[in-house]
Amino acid sequence: MSSAEGAELWVVRHGETEWSRDGRHTSTTDLPLTDVGEQAAVSLATRLAEVEFDLVLTSPRRRARRTAELAGFPEAQVDEDLVEWGYGDYEGVTTAEIRETVPGWTVWTHPSPGGESADEVSARLDRVVERTRRHGRSLVFAHGHSLRVLTARWLEQPADEGRFFKLDTSTISVLGFEREHPALLKWNS
């Protein structure tokens, strides 16, 4: 990945949905925000209003697009590379339920039958890193696991390093540089 010292990438995880609240893996299922999720997304607007962005992107999923809209960015460009990790057969299933048949399962360490591999997720999020590093300050609205992989890739680490970055709904995180090194500037705020 190229270096673009001075670039910043602001990442926002979408507001709460019924499945995110309940710990169900949600990639392709296009759920709306809950009332709580909508209110939290609105509260992001005041935190982002004073910041100027050169590029604003969103996942095509309704929960991310609606969060962008409520946060004050209705014109965010849809980027298919920002979709959530494809969970395949585990769509809508909790980790506890998966572990009933696959002890110790995590998305970081085990395959998701019919879903994406870590390498596939990395490849598409590497494109987002490259795209956003060409701009001064970018903002993206997306999903828990995809944003954690995006963070790992920004930091030039393998996808599974995303396991170290807990990310709540309706939070803002900032990636950038410390001199010439990619750095985590703010997390899960």
Protein backbone atom coordinates (compact mmCIF):
# COMPACT_ATOMS: atom_id res chain seq x y z
CA MET A 1 0.00 0.00 0.00
CA SER A 2 1.23 3.47 -0.79
CA SER A 3 2.05 6.02 1.86
CA ALA A 4 0.15 9.27 1.87
CA GLU A 5 1.51 11.08 4.89
CA GLY A 6 -1.06 13.63 6.02
CA ALA A 7 -4.10 11.68 4.80
CA GLU A 8 -6.80 10.93 7.35
CA LEU A 9 -9.52 8.33 7.23
CA TRP A 10 -12.51 8.83 9.51
CA VAL A 11 -14.55 5.66 9.97
CA VAL A 12 -18.10 5.48 11.29
CA ARG A 13 -19.84 2.24 12.13
CA HIS A 14 -23.54 2.34 11.28
CA GLY A 15 -26.19 2.81 13.96
CA GLU A 16 -27.78 -0.04 15.85
CA THR A 17 -29.96 -2.56 14.03
CA GLU A 18 -31.99 -5.34 15.61
CA TRP A 19 -29.32 -7.87 14.65
CA SER A 20 -26.31 -5.79 15.74
CA ARG A 21 -28.05 -5.28 19.08
CA ASP A 22 -28.64 -9.04 19.38
CA GLY A 23 -25.15 -10.10 18.24
CA ARG A 24 -26.29 -11.69 14.96
CA HIS A 25 -23.84 -11.68 12.06
CA THR A 26 -25.25 -9.33 9.43
CA SER A 27 -23.70 -8.90 6.02
CA THR A 28 -26.15 -9.12 3.12
CA THR A 29 -29.39 -8.88 5.10
CA ASP A 30 -30.43 -5.25 4.60
CA LEU A 31 -31.89 -4.28 7.97
CA PRO A 32 -33.07 -0.81 8.97
CA LEU A 33 -31.74 1.06 11.98
CA THR A 34 -33.66 0.72 15.25
CA ASP A 35 -35.07 3.89 16.83
CA VAL A 36 -32.02 3.90 19.11
CA GLY A 37 -29.78 3.54 16.04
CA GLU A 38 -31.48 6.46 14.30
CA GLN A 39 -31.10 8.72 17.35
CA ALA A 40 -27.42 7.81 17.71
CA ALA A 41 -26.82 8.48 14.00
CA VAL A 42 -28.41 11.92 14.35
CA SER A 43 -26.07 12.66 17.27
CA LEU A 44 -23.09 12.02 14.99
CA ALA A 45 -24.05 15.06 12.88
CA THR A 46 -22.91 17.63 15.44
CA ARG A 47 -19.60 15.81 15.93
CA LEU A 48 -18.90 15.70 12.17
CA ALA A 49 -20.34 19.10 11.15
CA GLU A 50 -17.17 21.09 11.85
CA VAL A 51 -14.92 18.76 9.83
CA GLU A 52 -14.37 19.17 6.09
CA PHE A 53 -14.03 15.99 4.07
CA ASP A 54 -12.57 15.61 0.58
CA LEU A 55 -14.27 12.26 0.01
CA VAL A 56 -17.29 10.64 1.71
CA LEU A 57 -18.10 6.99 1.02
CA THR A 58 -20.72 4.58 2.31
CA SER A 59 -21.48 0.91 2.10
CA PRO A 60 -24.52 0.26 -0.10
CA ARG A 61 -26.38 -1.36 2.80
CA ARG A 62 -29.39 0.57 4.09
CA ARG A 63 -28.06 0.72 7.66
CA ALA A 64 -24.84 2.46 6.55
CA ARG A 65 -26.53 4.75 4.00
CA ARG A 66 -29.14 5.83 6.58
CA THR A 67 -26.44 6.52 9.17
CA ALA A 68 -24.59 8.67 6.62
CA GLU A 69 -27.80 10.54 5.80
CA LEU A 70 -28.72 11.19 9.44
CA ALA A 71 -25.14 12.23 10.23
CA GLY A 72 -25.40 14.94 7.58
CA PHE A 73 -23.93 13.20 4.52
CA PRO A 74 -26.88 12.24 2.28
CA GLU A 75 -24.68 12.58 -0.83
CA ALA A 76 -22.11 9.99 0.32
CA GLN A 77 -20.85 7.93 -2.63
CA VAL A 78 -21.76 4.25 -2.49
CA ASP A 79 -18.70 2.00 -2.56
CA GLU A 80 -19.38 -1.75 -2.88
CA ASP A 81 -15.98 -2.49 -1.33
CA LEU A 82 -17.30 -1.26 2.04
CA VAL A 83 -19.91 -4.02 2.47
CA GLU A 84 -19.66 -6.15 5.58
CA TRP A 85 -17.63 -9.37 5.67
CA GLY A 86 -19.73 -12.00 3.87
CA TYR A 87 -20.76 -14.50 6.56
CA GLY A 88 -22.35 -17.02 4.18
CA ASP A 89 -24.15 -19.78 6.11
CA TYR A 90 -23.60 -17.84 9.35
CA GLU A 91 -25.75 -14.89 8.24
CA GLY A 92 -28.14 -14.05 11.09
CA VAL A 93 -26.46 -16.48 13.48
CA THR A 94 -24.71 -15.51 16.74
CA THR A 95 -21.17 -16.55 17.63
CA ALA A 96 -22.54 -18.61 20.55
CA GLU A 97 -24.81 -20.52 18.17
CA ILE A 98 -21.95 -21.19 15.74
CA ARG A 99 -19.76 -22.43 18.60
CA GLU A 100 -22.32 -25.11 19.42
CA THR A 101 -21.02 -26.98 16.34
CA VAL A 102 -17.63 -25.27 15.78
CA PRO A 103 -16.00 -24.80 19.21
CA GLY A 104 -13.81 -21.70 19.43
CA TRP A 105 -15.11 -20.24 16.15
CA THR A 106 -14.36 -16.60 15.34
CA VAL A 107 -14.57 -14.84 12.00
CA TRP A 108 -10.84 -14.06 12.44
CA THR A 109 -9.68 -17.67 12.84
CA HIS A 110 -12.20 -19.94 11.10
CA PRO A 111 -13.90 -20.01 7.70
CA SER A 112 -17.51 -18.98 7.23
CA PRO A 113 -19.01 -21.65 4.93
CA GLY A 114 -20.34 -20.00 1.80
CA GLY A 115 -18.90 -16.67 2.92
CA GLU A 116 -15.79 -14.61 2.30
CA SER A 117 -12.25 -15.44 3.36
CA ALA A 118 -10.08 -12.93 5.20
CA ASP A 119 -8.00 -12.57 2.01
CA GLU A 120 -11.09 -11.66 -0.02
CA VAL A 121 -12.18 -9.07 2.54
CA SER A 122 -8.62 -7.67 2.65
CA ALA A 123 -8.45 -7.32 -1.13
CA ARG A 124 -11.51 -5.13 -1.35
CA LEU A 125 -10.62 -3.04 1.69
CA ASP A 126 -7.11 -2.52 0.33
CA ARG A 127 -8.84 -0.73 -2.57
CA VAL A 128 -10.59 1.54 -0.07
CA VAL A 129 -7.27 2.29 1.65
CA GLU A 130 -5.66 3.15 -1.69
CA ARG A 131 -8.62 5.31 -2.74
CA THR A 132 -8.83 7.25 0.53
CA ARG A 133 -5.08 7.81 0.84
CA ARG A 134 -5.25 9.82 -2.40
CA HIS A 135 -7.44 12.39 -0.63
CA GLY A 136 -6.66 14.70 2.27
CA ARG A 137 -9.44 13.67 4.63
CA SER A 138 -11.98 10.93 3.89
CA LEU A 139 -15.03 9.69 5.77
CA VAL A 140 -16.54 6.22 5.40
CA PHE A 141 -19.75 4.71 6.79
CA ALA A 142 -19.69 0.93 7.03
CA HIS A 143 -19.83 -2.13 9.29
CA GLY A 144 -18.13 -3.62 12.34
CA HIS A 145 -15.94 -6.35 10.87
CA SER A 146 -15.24 -4.59 7.57
CA LEU A 147 -14.11 -1.42 9.37
CA ARG A 148 -11.90 -3.45 11.70
CA VAL A 149 -10.25 -5.08 8.66
CA LEU A 150 -9.99 -1.67 7.01
CA THR A 151 -8.19 -0.40 10.11
CA ALA A 152 -5.76 -3.33 10.12
CA ARG A 153 -5.02 -2.79 6.43
CA TRP A 154 -4.56 1.00 6.92
CA LEU A 155 -2.00 0.07 9.59
CA GLU A 156 -0.38 -2.32 7.07
CA GLN A 157 -1.27 -5.38 9.16
CA PRO A 158 -3.01 -8.62 8.12
CA ALA A 159 -6.81 -8.69 8.27
CA ASP A 160 -6.93 -10.83 11.40
CA GLU A 161 -5.29 -8.02 13.39
CA GLY A 162 -8.74 -6.42 13.22
CA ARG A 163 -9.66 -8.70 16.11
CA PHE A 164 -7.91 -6.23 18.44
CA PHE A 165 -10.20 -3.31 17.54
CA LYS A 166 -13.57 -3.52 19.32
CA LEU A 167 -15.97 -1.25 17.45
CA ASP A 168 -19.37 -0.18 18.74
CA THR A 169 -22.26 1.10 16.64
CA SER A 170 -22.51 4.85 15.92
CA THR A 171 -18.89 5.53 16.79
CA ILE A 172 -16.24 7.64 15.11
CA SER A 173 -12.64 6.52 14.73
CA VAL A 174 -9.79 8.30 12.97
CA LEU A 175 -6.84 6.78 11.11
CA GLY A 176 -3.93 8.84 9.89
CA PHE A 177 -0.17 9.09 10.09
CA GLU A 178 2.48 9.73 12.73
CA ARG A 179 5.18 11.16 10.54
CA GLU A 180 5.49 8.60 7.72
CA HIS A 181 3.89 5.71 9.64
CA PRO A 182 0.19 4.85 9.44
CA ALA A 183 -1.34 5.33 12.87
CA LEU A 184 -4.51 5.01 14.90
CA LEU A 185 -5.40 8.56 15.96
CA LYS A 186 -8.75 7.99 17.71
CA TRP A 187 -10.77 4.85 18.29
CA ASN A 188 -14.39 3.91 19.08
CA SER A 189 -15.26 7.46 20.14
